[in-house]
Structure formats: structure tokens, C-alpha cells
PDB file of N, CA and C in Angstrom:
ATOM      1  N   MET A   1    -134.812 -21.221 -59.602  1.00  0.00           N
ATOM      2  CA  MET A   1    -135.577 -21.662 -60.808  1.00  0.00           C
ATOM      3  C   MET A   1    -136.829 -22.355 -60.332  1.00  0.00           C
ATOM      4  N   SER A   2    -137.936 -21.758 -60.662  1.00  0.00           N
ATOM      5  CA  SER A   2    -139.240 -22.326 -60.250  1.00  0.00           C
ATOM      6  C   SER A   2    -140.208 -22.212 -61.405  1.00  0.00           C
ATOM      7  N   TYR A   3    -141.290 -22.923 -61.256  1.00  0.00           N
ATOM      8  CA  TYR A   3    -142.325 -22.881 -62.290  1.00  0.00           C
ATOM      9  C   TYR A   3    -142.954 -21.475 -62.294  1.00  0.00           C
ATOM     10  N   ALA A   4    -143.000 -20.815 -61.178  1.00  0.00           N
ATOM     11  CA  ALA A   4    -143.501 -19.427 -61.220  1.00  0.00           C
ATOM     12  C   ALA A   4    -142.589 -18.501 -61.976  1.00  0.00           C
ATOM     13  N   ASP A   5    -141.233 -18.731 -61.873  1.00  0.00           N
ATOM     14  CA  ASP A   5    -140.273 -17.918 -62.633  1.00  0.00           C
ATOM     15  C   ASP A   5    -140.586 -18.124 -64.125  1.00  0.00           C
ATOM     16  N   PHE A   6    -140.803 -19.392 -64.558  1.00  0.00           N
ATOM     17  CA  PHE A   6    -141.076 -19.725 -65.845  1.00  0.00           C
ATOM     18  C   PHE A   6    -142.357 -19.062 -66.338  1.00  0.00           C
ATOM     19  N   GLU A   7    -143.422 -19.057 -65.488  1.00  0.00           N
ATOM     20  CA  GLU A   7    -144.735 -18.509 -65.949  1.00  0.00           C
ATOM     21  C   GLU A   7    -144.538 -16.980 -66.100  1.00  0.00           C
ATOM     22  N   ARG A   8    -143.867 -16.385 -65.274  1.00  0.00           N
ATOM     23  CA  ARG A   8    -143.620 -14.945 -65.344  1.00  0.00           C
ATOM     24  C   ARG A   8    -142.917 -14.646 -66.641  1.00  0.00           C
ATOM     25  N   TRP A   9    -141.856 -15.348 -67.019  1.00  0.00           N
ATOM     26  CA  TRP A   9    -141.142 -15.221 -68.212  1.00  0.00           C
ATOM     27  C   TRP A   9    -142.043 -15.492 -69.431  1.00  0.00           C
ATOM     28  N   ARG A  10    -142.796 -16.514 -69.394  1.00  0.00           N
ATOM     29  CA  ARG A  10    -143.652 -16.928 -70.516  1.00  0.00           C
ATOM     30  C   ARG A  10    -144.706 -15.894 -70.829  1.00  0.00           C
ATOM     31  N   ASP A  11    -145.284 -15.263 -69.742  1.00  0.00           N
ATOM     32  CA  ASP A  11    -146.475 -14.439 -69.885  1.00  0.00           C
ATOM     33  C   ASP A  11    -146.263 -12.941 -69.880  1.00  0.00           C
ATOM     34  N   GLN A  12    -145.096 -12.468 -69.423  1.00  0.00           N
ATOM     35  CA  GLN A  12    -144.781 -11.010 -69.351  1.00  0.00           C
ATOM     36  C   GLN A  12    -143.665 -10.655 -70.309  1.00  0.00           C
ATOM     37  N   GLU A  13    -143.982  -9.879 -71.298  1.00  0.00           N
ATOM     38  CA  GLU A  13    -142.884  -9.538 -72.232  1.00  0.00           C
ATOM     39  C   GLU A  13    -141.835  -8.714 -71.667  1.00  0.00           C
ATOM     40  N   CYS A  14    -140.593  -9.024 -72.077  1.00  0.00           N
ATOM     41  CA  CYS A  14    -139.357  -8.369 -71.705  1.00  0.00           C
ATOM     42  C   CYS A  14    -138.976  -7.347 -72.781  1.00  0.00           C
ATOM     43  N   PRO A  15    -139.185  -6.106 -72.527  1.00  0.00           N
ATOM     44  CA  PRO A  15    -138.817  -5.118 -73.682  1.00  0.00           C
ATOM     45  C   PRO A  15    -137.439  -4.940 -73.976  1.00  0.00           C
ATOM     46  N   ASN A  16    -136.527  -5.161 -73.077  1.00  0.00           N
ATOM     47  CA  ASN A  16    -135.091  -4.948 -73.285  1.00  0.00           C
ATOM     48  C   ASN A  16    -134.281  -6.068 -72.733  1.00  0.00           C
ATOM     49  N   PRO A  17    -134.255  -7.290 -73.407  1.00  0.00           N
ATOM     50  CA  PRO A  17    -133.602  -8.442 -72.864  1.00  0.00           C
ATOM     51  C   PRO A  17    -132.073  -8.254 -72.680  1.00  0.00           C
ATOM     52  N   LYS A  18    -131.571  -8.785 -71.530  1.00  0.00           N
ATOM     53  CA  LYS A  18    -130.153  -8.670 -71.241  1.00  0.00           C
ATOM     54  C   LYS A  18    -129.426  -9.933 -71.832  1.00  0.00           C
ATOM     55  N   LEU A  19    -130.169 -10.938 -72.129  1.00  0.00           N
ATOM     56  CA  LEU A  19    -129.631 -12.181 -72.656  1.00  0.00           C
ATOM     57  C   LEU A  19    -130.511 -12.729 -73.842  1.00  0.00           C
ATOM     58  N   SER A  20    -129.898 -13.119 -74.817  1.00  0.00           N
ATOM     59  CA  SER A  20    -130.650 -13.773 -75.965  1.00  0.00           C
ATOM     60  C   SER A  20    -130.073 -15.211 -76.204  1.00  0.00           C
ATOM     61  N   VAL A  21    -130.890 -16.214 -76.152  1.00  0.00           N
ATOM     62  CA  VAL A  21    -130.524 -17.579 -76.371  1.00  0.00           C
ATOM     63  C   VAL A  21    -130.990 -17.916 -77.755  1.00  0.00           C
ATOM     64  N   VAL A  22    -130.104 -18.311 -78.729  1.00  0.00           N
ATOM     65  CA  VAL A  22    -130.518 -18.639 -80.034  1.00  0.00           C
ATOM     66  C   VAL A  22    -130.322 -20.133 -80.253  1.00  0.00           C
ATOM     67  N   ILE A  23    -131.374 -20.808 -80.745  1.00  0.00           N
ATOM     68  CA  ILE A  23    -131.352 -22.226 -80.987  1.00  0.00           C
ATOM     69  C   ILE A  23    -131.614 -22.409 -82.402  1.00  0.00           C
ATOM     70  N   PRO A  24    -130.630 -22.912 -83.179  1.00  0.00           N
ATOM     71  CA  PRO A  24    -130.908 -23.237 -84.602  1.00  0.00           C
ATOM     72  C   PRO A  24    -131.677 -24.589 -84.694  1.00  0.00           C
ATOM     73  N   ALA A  25    -132.512 -24.679 -85.607  1.00  0.00           N
ATOM     74  CA  ALA A  25    -133.359 -25.880 -85.758  1.00  0.00           C
ATOM     75  C   ALA A  25    -133.660 -26.165 -87.267  1.00  0.00           C
ATOM     76  N   TYR A  26    -133.698 -27.474 -87.568  1.00  0.00           N
ATOM     77  CA  TYR A  26    -134.118 -27.877 -88.898  1.00  0.00           C
ATOM     78  C   TYR A  26    -134.811 -29.294 -88.677  1.00  0.00           C
ATOM     79  N   ASN A  27    -136.080 -29.150 -88.971  1.00  0.00           N
ATOM     80  CA  ASN A  27    -136.952 -30.394 -88.812  1.00  0.00           C
ATOM     81  C   ASN A  27    -136.879 -31.057 -87.419  1.00  0.00           C
ATOM     82  N   GLU A  28    -137.110 -30.269 -86.429  1.00  0.00           N
ATOM     83  CA  GLU A  28    -137.006 -30.643 -85.092  1.00  0.00           C
ATOM     84  C   GLU A  28    -138.360 -30.829 -84.366  1.00  0.00           C
ATOM     85  N   SER A  29    -139.442 -30.986 -85.107  1.00  0.00           N
ATOM     86  CA  SER A  29    -140.713 -30.873 -84.495  1.00  0.00           C
ATOM     87  C   SER A  29    -140.921 -31.890 -83.355  1.00  0.00           C
ATOM     88  N   GLU A  30    -140.304 -33.119 -83.532  1.00  0.00           N
ATOM     89  CA  GLU A  30    -140.412 -34.101 -82.448  1.00  0.00           C
ATOM     90  C   GLU A  30    -139.612 -33.907 -81.219  1.00  0.00           C
ATOM     91  N   ARG A  31    -138.589 -32.964 -81.342  1.00  0.00           N
ATOM     92  CA  ARG A  31    -137.671 -32.837 -80.196  1.00  0.00           C
ATOM     93  C   ARG A  31    -137.636 -31.406 -79.607  1.00  0.00           C
ATOM     94  N   ILE A  32    -138.164 -30.423 -80.354  1.00  0.00           N
ATOM     95  CA  ILE A  32    -137.997 -29.008 -79.968  1.00  0.00           C
ATOM     96  C   ILE A  32    -138.718 -28.598 -78.716  1.00  0.00           C
ATOM     97  N   LEU A  33    -139.858 -29.095 -78.466  1.00  0.00           N
ATOM     98  CA  LEU A  33    -140.569 -28.639 -77.284  1.00  0.00           C
ATOM     99  C   LEU A  33    -139.816 -28.953 -76.010  1.00  0.00           C
ATOM    100  N   PRO A  34    -139.333 -30.203 -75.724  1.00  0.00           N
ATOM    101  CA  PRO A  34    -138.578 -30.431 -74.477  1.00  0.00           C
ATOM    102  C   PRO A  34    -137.291 -29.610 -74.387  1.00  0.00           C
ATOM    103  N   THR A  35    -136.645 -29.299 -75.583  1.00  0.00           N
ATOM    104  CA  THR A  35    -135.435 -28.495 -75.584  1.00  0.00           C
ATOM    105  C   THR A  35    -135.814 -27.049 -75.117  1.00  0.00           C
ATOM    106  N   LEU A  36    -136.855 -26.428 -75.682  1.00  0.00           N
ATOM    107  CA  LEU A  36    -137.194 -25.132 -75.363  1.00  0.00           C
ATOM    108  C   LEU A  36    -137.614 -25.061 -73.842  1.00  0.00           C
ATOM    109  N   GLY A  37    -138.412 -26.037 -73.482  1.00  0.00           N
ATOM    110  CA  GLY A  37    -138.800 -26.073 -72.027  1.00  0.00           C
ATOM    111  C   GLY A  37    -137.717 -26.119 -71.057  1.00  0.00           C
ATOM    112  N   ALA A  38    -136.745 -26.945 -71.415  1.00  0.00           N
ATOM    113  CA  ALA A  38    -135.531 -27.036 -70.513  1.00  0.00           C
ATOM    114  C   ALA A  38    -134.783 -25.731 -70.406  1.00  0.00           C
ATOM    115  N   PHE A  39    -134.487 -25.093 -71.580  1.00  0.00           N
ATOM    116  CA  PHE A  39    -133.831 -23.799 -71.523  1.00  0.00           C
ATOM    117  C   PHE A  39    -134.684 -22.774 -70.732  1.00  0.00           C
ATOM    118  N   ALA A  40    -135.963 -22.758 -70.941  1.00  0.00           N
ATOM    119  CA  ALA A  40    -136.795 -21.718 -70.367  1.00  0.00           C
ATOM    120  C   ALA A  40    -136.924 -21.931 -68.825  1.00  0.00           C
ATOM    121  N   VAL A  41    -137.064 -23.121 -68.351  1.00  0.00           N
ATOM    122  CA  VAL A  41    -137.148 -23.399 -66.863  1.00  0.00           C
ATOM    123  C   VAL A  41    -135.839 -23.004 -66.182  1.00  0.00           C
ATOM    124  N   VAL A  42    -134.711 -23.456 -66.766  1.00  0.00           N
ATOM    125  CA  VAL A  42    -133.442 -23.232 -66.084  1.00  0.00           C
ATOM    126  C   VAL A  42    -133.082 -21.736 -66.089  1.00  0.00           C
ATOM    127  N   ILE A  43    -133.146 -21.113 -67.185  1.00  0.00           N
ATOM    128  CA  ILE A  43    -132.728 -19.680 -67.325  1.00  0.00           C
ATOM    129  C   ILE A  43    -133.659 -18.728 -66.711  1.00  0.00           C
ATOM    130  N   SER A  44    -134.869 -19.058 -66.655  1.00  0.00           N
ATOM    131  CA  SER A  44    -135.950 -18.162 -65.967  1.00  0.00           C
ATOM    132  C   SER A  44    -135.568 -17.885 -64.517  1.00  0.00           C
ATOM    133  N   GLY A  45    -134.958 -18.793 -63.876  1.00  0.00           N
ATOM    134  CA  GLY A  45    -134.570 -18.608 -62.495  1.00  0.00           C
ATOM    135  C   GLY A  45    -133.276 -17.896 -62.334  1.00  0.00           C
ATOM    136  N   MET A  46    -132.509 -17.687 -63.374  1.00  0.00           N
ATOM    137  CA  MET A  46    -131.181 -17.040 -63.303  1.00  0.00           C
ATOM    138  C   MET A  46    -131.190 -15.599 -63.774  1.00  0.00           C
ATOM    139  N   GLU A  47    -131.926 -15.358 -64.814  1.00  0.00           N
ATOM    140  CA  GLU A  47    -131.831 -14.012 -65.504  1.00  0.00           C
ATOM    141  C   GLU A  47    -133.252 -13.363 -65.520  1.00  0.00           C
ATOM    142  N   PRO A  48    -133.336 -12.185 -64.954  1.00  0.00           N
ATOM    143  CA  PRO A  48    -134.651 -11.558 -64.887  1.00  0.00           C
ATOM    144  C   PRO A  48    -135.253 -11.151 -66.236  1.00  0.00           C
ATOM    145  N   CYS A  49    -134.471 -10.788 -67.253  1.00  0.00           N
ATOM    146  CA  CYS A  49    -134.988 -10.307 -68.555  1.00  0.00           C
ATOM    147  C   CYS A  49    -134.169 -10.921 -69.649  1.00  0.00           C
ATOM    148  N   TRP A  50    -134.780 -11.858 -70.343  1.00  0.00           N
ATOM    149  CA  TRP A  50    -134.114 -12.565 -71.425  1.00  0.00           C
ATOM    150  C   TRP A  50    -135.032 -13.006 -72.462  1.00  0.00           C
ATOM    151  N   GLU A  51    -134.523 -13.401 -73.597  1.00  0.00           N
ATOM    152  CA  GLU A  51    -135.444 -13.914 -74.750  1.00  0.00           C
ATOM    153  C   GLU A  51    -134.803 -15.219 -75.305  1.00  0.00           C
ATOM    154  N   LEU A  52    -135.731 -16.046 -75.846  1.00  0.00           N
ATOM    155  CA  LEU A  52    -135.347 -17.254 -76.491  1.00  0.00           C
ATOM    156  C   LEU A  52    -135.680 -17.114 -77.996  1.00  0.00           C
ATOM    157  N   ILE A  53    -134.719 -17.387 -78.888  1.00  0.00           N
ATOM    158  CA  ILE A  53    -134.931 -17.242 -80.368  1.00  0.00           C
ATOM    159  C   ILE A  53    -134.680 -18.571 -81.019  1.00  0.00           C
ATOM    160  N   LEU A  54    -135.738 -19.037 -81.686  1.00  0.00           N
ATOM    161  CA  LEU A  54    -135.585 -20.209 -82.515  1.00  0.00           C
ATOM    162  C   LEU A  54    -135.233 -19.750 -83.978  1.00  0.00           C
ATOM    163  N   SER A  55    -134.151 -20.116 -84.437  1.00  0.00           N
ATOM    164  CA  SER A  55    -133.720 -19.848 -85.833  1.00  0.00           C
ATOM    165  C   SER A  55    -134.098 -21.095 -86.696  1.00  0.00           C
ATOM    166  N   ASP A  56    -135.198 -21.007 -87.382  1.00  0.00           N
ATOM    167  CA  ASP A  56    -135.676 -22.141 -88.168  1.00  0.00           C
ATOM    168  C   ASP A  56    -135.055 -22.062 -89.533  1.00  0.00           C
ATOM    169  N   ASP A  57    -134.290 -23.192 -89.801  1.00  0.00           N
ATOM    170  CA  ASP A  57    -133.455 -23.258 -91.065  1.00  0.00           C
ATOM    171  C   ASP A  57    -134.275 -23.935 -92.164  1.00  0.00           C
ATOM    172  N   GLY A  58    -135.364 -23.397 -92.549  1.00  0.00           N
ATOM    173  CA  GLY A  58    -136.236 -23.915 -93.587  1.00  0.00           C
ATOM    174  C   GLY A  58    -136.836 -25.283 -93.330  1.00  0.00           C
ATOM    175  N   SER A  59    -137.212 -25.578 -92.166  1.00  0.00           N
ATOM    176  CA  SER A  59    -137.823 -26.844 -91.752  1.00  0.00           C
ATOM    177  C   SER A  59    -139.043 -27.051 -92.613  1.00  0.00           C
ATOM    178  N   VAL A  60    -139.315 -28.316 -92.960  1.00  0.00           N
ATOM    179  CA  VAL A  60    -140.515 -28.675 -93.731  1.00  0.00           C
ATOM    180  C   VAL A  60    -141.480 -29.559 -92.876  1.00  0.00           C
ATOM    181  N   ASP A  61    -141.150 -29.760 -91.616  1.00  0.00           N
ATOM    182  CA  ASP A  61    -141.937 -30.659 -90.769  1.00  0.00           C
ATOM    183  C   ASP A  61    -142.843 -29.833 -89.851  1.00  0.00           C
ATOM    184  N   GLY A  62    -142.958 -28.497 -89.937  1.00  0.00           N
ATOM    185  CA  GLY A  62    -143.791 -27.692 -89.063  1.00  0.00           C
ATOM    186  C   GLY A  62    -143.153 -27.256 -87.802  1.00  0.00           C
ATOM    187  N   THR A  63    -141.839 -27.337 -87.696  1.00  0.00           N
ATOM    188  CA  THR A  63    -141.179 -26.891 -86.468  1.00  0.00           C
ATOM    189  C   THR A  63    -141.553 -25.449 -86.010  1.00  0.00           C
ATOM    190  N   ALA A  64    -141.368 -24.483 -87.061  1.00  0.00           N
ATOM    191  CA  ALA A  64    -141.612 -23.099 -86.754  1.00  0.00           C
ATOM    192  C   ALA A  64    -143.062 -22.834 -86.275  1.00  0.00           C
ATOM    193  N   ASN A  65    -144.008 -23.553 -86.998  1.00  0.00           N
ATOM    194  CA  ASN A  65    -145.388 -23.298 -86.637  1.00  0.00           C
ATOM    195  C   ASN A  65    -145.751 -23.896 -85.270  1.00  0.00           C
ATOM    196  N   LEU A  66    -145.149 -25.028 -84.924  1.00  0.00           N
ATOM    197  CA  LEU A  66    -145.367 -25.623 -83.593  1.00  0.00           C
ATOM    198  C   LEU A  66    -144.857 -24.710 -82.479  1.00  0.00           C
ATOM    199  N   VAL A  67    -143.673 -24.125 -82.673  1.00  0.00           N
ATOM    200  CA  VAL A  67    -143.088 -23.237 -81.749  1.00  0.00           C
ATOM    201  C   VAL A  67    -143.914 -21.936 -81.619  1.00  0.00           C
ATOM    202  N   GLU A  68    -144.335 -21.326 -82.707  1.00  0.00           N
ATOM    203  CA  GLU A  68    -145.104 -20.097 -82.691  1.00  0.00           C
ATOM    204  C   GLU A  68    -146.450 -20.319 -81.978  1.00  0.00           C
ATOM    205  N   ARG A  69    -147.055 -21.481 -82.043  1.00  0.00           N
ATOM    206  CA  ARG A  69    -148.329 -21.706 -81.364  1.00  0.00           C
ATOM    207  C   ARG A  69    -148.186 -21.789 -79.834  1.00  0.00           C
ATOM    208  N   LEU A  70    -146.918 -21.931 -79.296  1.00  0.00           N
ATOM    209  CA  LEU A  70    -146.800 -21.857 -77.878  1.00  0.00           C
ATOM    210  C   LEU A  70    -147.237 -20.490 -77.297  1.00  0.00           C
ATOM    211  N   GLY A  71    -147.040 -19.379 -78.024  1.00  0.00           N
ATOM    212  CA  GLY A  71    -147.503 -18.184 -77.607  1.00  0.00           C
ATOM    213  C   GLY A  71    -146.751 -17.565 -76.396  1.00  0.00           C
ATOM    214  N   TRP A  72    -145.509 -17.967 -76.220  1.00  0.00           N
ATOM    215  CA  TRP A  72    -144.700 -17.461 -75.109  1.00  0.00           C
ATOM    216  C   TRP A  72    -144.259 -16.046 -75.531  1.00  0.00           C
ATOM    217  N   LYS A  73    -144.370 -15.180 -74.620  1.00  0.00           N
ATOM    218  CA  LYS A  73    -144.185 -13.663 -74.926  1.00  0.00           C
ATOM    219  C   LYS A  73    -142.684 -13.440 -75.189  1.00  0.00           C
ATOM    220  N   ASN A  74    -141.705 -14.183 -74.695  1.00  0.00           N
ATOM    221  CA  ASN A  74    -140.346 -13.851 -74.890  1.00  0.00           C
ATOM    222  C   ASN A  74    -139.655 -14.964 -75.775  1.00  0.00           C
ATOM    223  N   LEU A  75    -140.410 -15.586 -76.586  1.00  0.00           N
ATOM    224  CA  LEU A  75    -139.937 -16.563 -77.552  1.00  0.00           C
ATOM    225  C   LEU A  75    -140.174 -16.062 -79.028  1.00  0.00           C
ATOM    226  N   ARG A  76    -139.127 -15.929 -79.781  1.00  0.00           N
ATOM    227  CA  ARG A  76    -139.298 -15.458 -81.143  1.00  0.00           C
ATOM    228  C   ARG A  76    -138.815 -16.550 -82.130  1.00  0.00           C
ATOM    229  N   VAL A  77    -139.485 -16.623 -83.277  1.00  0.00           N
ATOM    230  CA  VAL A  77    -139.086 -17.547 -84.338  1.00  0.00           C
ATOM    231  C   VAL A  77    -138.646 -16.696 -85.547  1.00  0.00           C
ATOM    232  N   LEU A  78    -137.451 -17.028 -85.911  1.00  0.00           N
ATOM    233  CA  LEU A  78    -136.890 -16.401 -87.175  1.00  0.00           C
ATOM    234  C   LEU A  78    -136.908 -17.575 -88.239  1.00  0.00           C
ATOM    235  N   ARG A  79    -137.489 -17.299 -89.342  1.00  0.00           N
ATOM    236  CA  ARG A  79    -137.582 -18.231 -90.416  1.00  0.00           C
ATOM    237  C   ARG A  79    -136.774 -17.790 -91.579  1.00  0.00           C
ATOM    238  N   HIS A  80    -136.041 -18.729 -92.157  1.00  0.00           N
ATOM    239  CA  HIS A  80    -135.192 -18.420 -93.396  1.00  0.00           C
ATOM    240  C   HIS A  80    -134.979 -19.717 -94.183  1.00  0.00           C
ATOM    241  N   ALA A  81    -134.528 -19.625 -95.382  1.00  0.00           N
ATOM    242  CA  ALA A  81    -134.223 -20.771 -96.252  1.00  0.00           C
ATOM    243  C   ALA A  81    -133.206 -21.620 -95.621  1.00  0.00           C
ATOM    244  N   ASN A  82    -133.174 -22.846 -96.024  1.00  0.00           N
ATOM    245  CA  ASN A  82    -132.213 -23.888 -95.571  1.00  0.00           C
ATOM    246  C   ASN A  82    -130.831 -23.470 -95.906  1.00  0.00           C
ATOM    247  N   THR A  83    -129.960 -23.118 -94.944  1.00  0.00           N
ATOM    248  CA  THR A  83    -128.647 -22.695 -95.284  1.00  0.00           C
ATOM    249  C   THR A  83    -127.577 -23.494 -94.439  1.00  0.00           C
ATOM    250  N   GLY A  84    -128.030 -24.405 -93.594  1.00  0.00           N
ATOM    251  CA  GLY A  84    -127.195 -25.210 -92.768  1.00  0.00           C
ATOM    252  C   GLY A  84    -127.013 -24.497 -91.414  1.00  0.00           C
ATOM    253  N   LYS A  85    -126.280 -25.273 -90.539  1.00  0.00           N
ATOM    254  CA  LYS A  85    -126.046 -24.764 -89.039  1.00  0.00           C
ATOM    255  C   LYS A  85    -125.476 -23.370 -89.024  1.00  0.00           C
ATOM    256  N   GLY A  86    -124.477 -23.123 -89.840  1.00  0.00           N
ATOM    257  CA  GLY A  86    -123.847 -21.786 -89.822  1.00  0.00           C
ATOM    258  C   GLY A  86    -124.786 -20.709 -90.262  1.00  0.00           C
ATOM    259  N   GLY A  87    -125.634 -20.928 -91.200  1.00  0.00           N
ATOM    260  CA  GLY A  87    -126.619 -19.905 -91.589  1.00  0.00           C
ATOM    261  C   GLY A  87    -127.699 -19.700 -90.527  1.00  0.00           C
ATOM    262  N   ALA A  88    -128.134 -20.795 -89.974  1.00  0.00           N
ATOM    263  CA  ALA A  88    -129.177 -20.711 -88.909  1.00  0.00           C
ATOM    264  C   ALA A  88    -128.687 -19.905 -87.726  1.00  0.00           C
TER     265      ALA A  88
END
């Protein structure tokens, strides 16, 4: 796990991910960036082709917009109405 691994993952799209990490979130704008960064740095060194998915559960604090602005190639944001942890 190195910063170079993270940069490669962040900047080069993985067309067929072998691993998907799904993080449910509701109004997490103050905490989500360190969480995503921690996952990305650790897993980038272990798995050559993977994706990170944020499942936004109807946040009203801009969580989804904040994450989308990162522009990471292998990070997707799924938006849906507030349904709770199970729905997310």
C-alpha cells in the first residue's frame, strides 16, 4: 500500500472491478472524506482492480455532492431517498 497505488486507482478507471466496497451514508459530510481516504489507501495496495461505492441515503447536508467533486475514477455515488441503513 503506497500513495502511488492510491494515485493509480484514483486516476485510472477499472473497467471490470473484482471487488466493490459499498459505504452507506446519511448526512456524513463532516466525516466521509477521511473514511473514503482510509479505504482507498489500504485497499489500493491489496487489490489491483476495485471500486468504491457511496450509497447516499437521501442526505441533506451535501454528502453526495462533496464525494462526487473528488473526481476519483473508481468511486461511484448512488443517490436514493432516505430509507435507513438497510435500504442504503
